[in-house]
Protein backbone atom coordinates (compact mmCIF):
# COMPACT_ATOMS: atom_id res chain seq x y z
CA UNK A 1 0.00 0.00 0.00
CA UNK A 2 1.39 3.39 -0.96
CA UNK A 3 2.02 5.80 1.89
CA UNK A 4 1.64 9.56 1.66
CA UNK A 5 3.90 10.06 4.65
CA UNK A 6 6.89 7.95 5.62
CA UNK A 7 6.62 8.89 9.31
CA UNK A 8 3.43 6.99 10.10
CA UNK A 9 3.55 3.21 10.15
CA UNK A 10 1.20 0.51 11.33
CA UNK A 11 2.43 -0.49 14.80
CA UNK A 12 1.32 -4.12 14.48
CA UNK A 13 2.91 -4.96 11.13
CA UNK A 14 5.43 -2.16 10.65
CA UNK A 15 4.06 -1.47 7.17
CA UNK A 16 3.42 2.04 5.94
CA UNK A 17 -0.29 2.78 5.81
CA UNK A 18 -2.31 5.51 4.22
CA UNK A 19 -4.22 7.55 6.77
CA UNK A 20 -7.89 8.34 6.26
CA UNK A 21 -7.90 11.64 8.15
CA UNK A 22 -5.62 13.78 5.99
CA UNK A 23 -4.87 16.08 8.94
CA UNK A 24 -2.34 18.93 9.01
CA UNK A 25 0.20 16.88 10.94
CA UNK A 26 0.06 14.04 8.46
CA UNK A 27 0.30 16.16 5.32
CA UNK A 28 3.17 18.31 6.54
CA UNK A 29 4.56 17.45 9.99
CA UNK A 30 7.28 20.10 9.79
CA UNK A 31 4.65 22.81 9.26
CA UNK A 32 2.70 21.49 12.25
CA UNK A 33 5.71 21.71 14.57
CA UNK A 34 6.59 25.24 13.40
CA UNK A 35 3.03 26.40 14.10
CA UNK A 36 2.85 24.65 17.49
CA UNK A 37 3.60 26.94 20.41
CA UNK A 38 4.15 25.10 23.66
CA UNK A 39 4.28 27.17 26.84
CA UNK A 40 4.11 25.36 30.15
CA UNK A 41 2.72 26.96 33.29
CA UNK A 42 4.63 27.03 36.56
CA UNK A 43 2.95 24.59 38.91
CA UNK A 44 3.21 23.65 42.55
CA UNK A 45 5.44 20.58 43.00
CA UNK A 46 3.07 19.28 45.69
CA UNK A 47 0.34 18.72 43.09
CA UNK A 48 2.52 17.41 40.26
CA UNK A 49 1.28 14.24 38.58
CA UNK A 50 2.78 11.90 36.02
CA UNK A 51 0.29 13.21 33.47
CA UNK A 52 1.42 16.80 34.01
CA UNK A 53 5.02 15.70 33.43
CA UNK A 54 4.02 14.10 30.13
CA UNK A 55 1.89 17.08 29.15
CA UNK A 56 4.74 19.51 29.80
CA UNK A 57 6.71 18.05 26.91
CA UNK A 58 6.00 19.30 23.39
CA UNK A 59 4.62 16.69 20.97
CA UNK A 60 6.94 14.66 18.78
CA UNK A 61 6.31 12.97 15.45
CA UNK A 62 5.48 9.80 17.37
CA UNK A 63 2.94 11.39 19.72
CA UNK A 64 0.80 13.57 17.45
CA UNK A 65 -2.62 12.19 16.55
CA UNK A 66 -3.01 11.61 12.83
CA UNK A 67 -6.27 9.67 12.72
CA UNK A 68 -9.52 9.91 14.58
CA UNK A 69 -12.19 7.24 14.35
CA UNK A 70 -15.80 7.85 15.25
CA UNK A 71 -17.39 5.18 17.38
CA UNK A 72 -21.15 4.65 17.01
CA UNK A 73 -23.09 5.62 20.13
CA UNK A 74 -26.41 3.74 19.91
CA UNK A 75 -26.59 3.04 23.65
CA UNK A 76 -25.80 6.61 24.70
CA UNK A 77 -28.21 8.06 22.15
CA UNK A 78 -31.00 5.81 23.41
CA UNK A 79 -30.48 7.15 26.94
CA UNK A 80 -30.87 10.73 25.73
CA UNK A 81 -34.58 10.22 25.09
CA UNK A 82 -35.26 9.19 28.70
CA UNK A 83 -36.29 11.77 31.27
CA UNK A 84 -34.56 12.18 34.63
CA UNK A 85 -35.92 10.18 37.55
CA UNK A 86 -35.05 11.26 41.09
CA UNK A 87 -34.06 8.15 43.06
CA UNK A 88 -32.75 9.86 46.18
CA UNK A 89 -33.79 8.87 49.69
CA UNK A 90 -36.93 10.61 50.97
CA UNK A 91 -36.22 11.88 54.50
CA UNK A 92 -39.30 14.05 55.12
CA UNK A 93 -41.85 13.23 57.80
CA UNK A 94 -44.96 11.51 56.52
CA UNK A 95 -48.04 13.57 57.31
CA UNK A 96 -51.39 12.00 58.03
CA UNK A 97 -54.04 12.59 55.39
CA UNK A 98 -56.78 11.92 57.95
CA UNK A 99 -56.08 14.27 60.89
CA UNK A 100 -53.30 16.52 62.17
CA UNK A 101 -53.20 14.73 65.56
CA UNK A 102 -52.07 11.53 63.84
CA UNK A 103 -48.86 13.16 62.51
CA UNK A 104 -45.65 11.66 63.98
CA UNK A 105 -44.24 13.69 66.89
CA UNK A 106 -40.50 13.19 66.64
């Protein structure tokens, strides 16, 4: 299969594959990196996570996303038509429908 870009290969087989997305990074990765401005914020070391360490690095040719695939959402779409139902615990006192003297006194 002919590849439009030599940088992107199928991880399983190692063969060059043609991407379906045709994104900016795939067509011209050098242009993407020139346009990318990466400025990290100063953060408190107490709240530093492994993900913030990874996110502080600028993207490389291996980490940019070249393809996105839509996943059908039939289950989620079916839930959208349902209305909300409150299932919380009722903690109010039950009042008597017959007479006020029968109401609980606690």
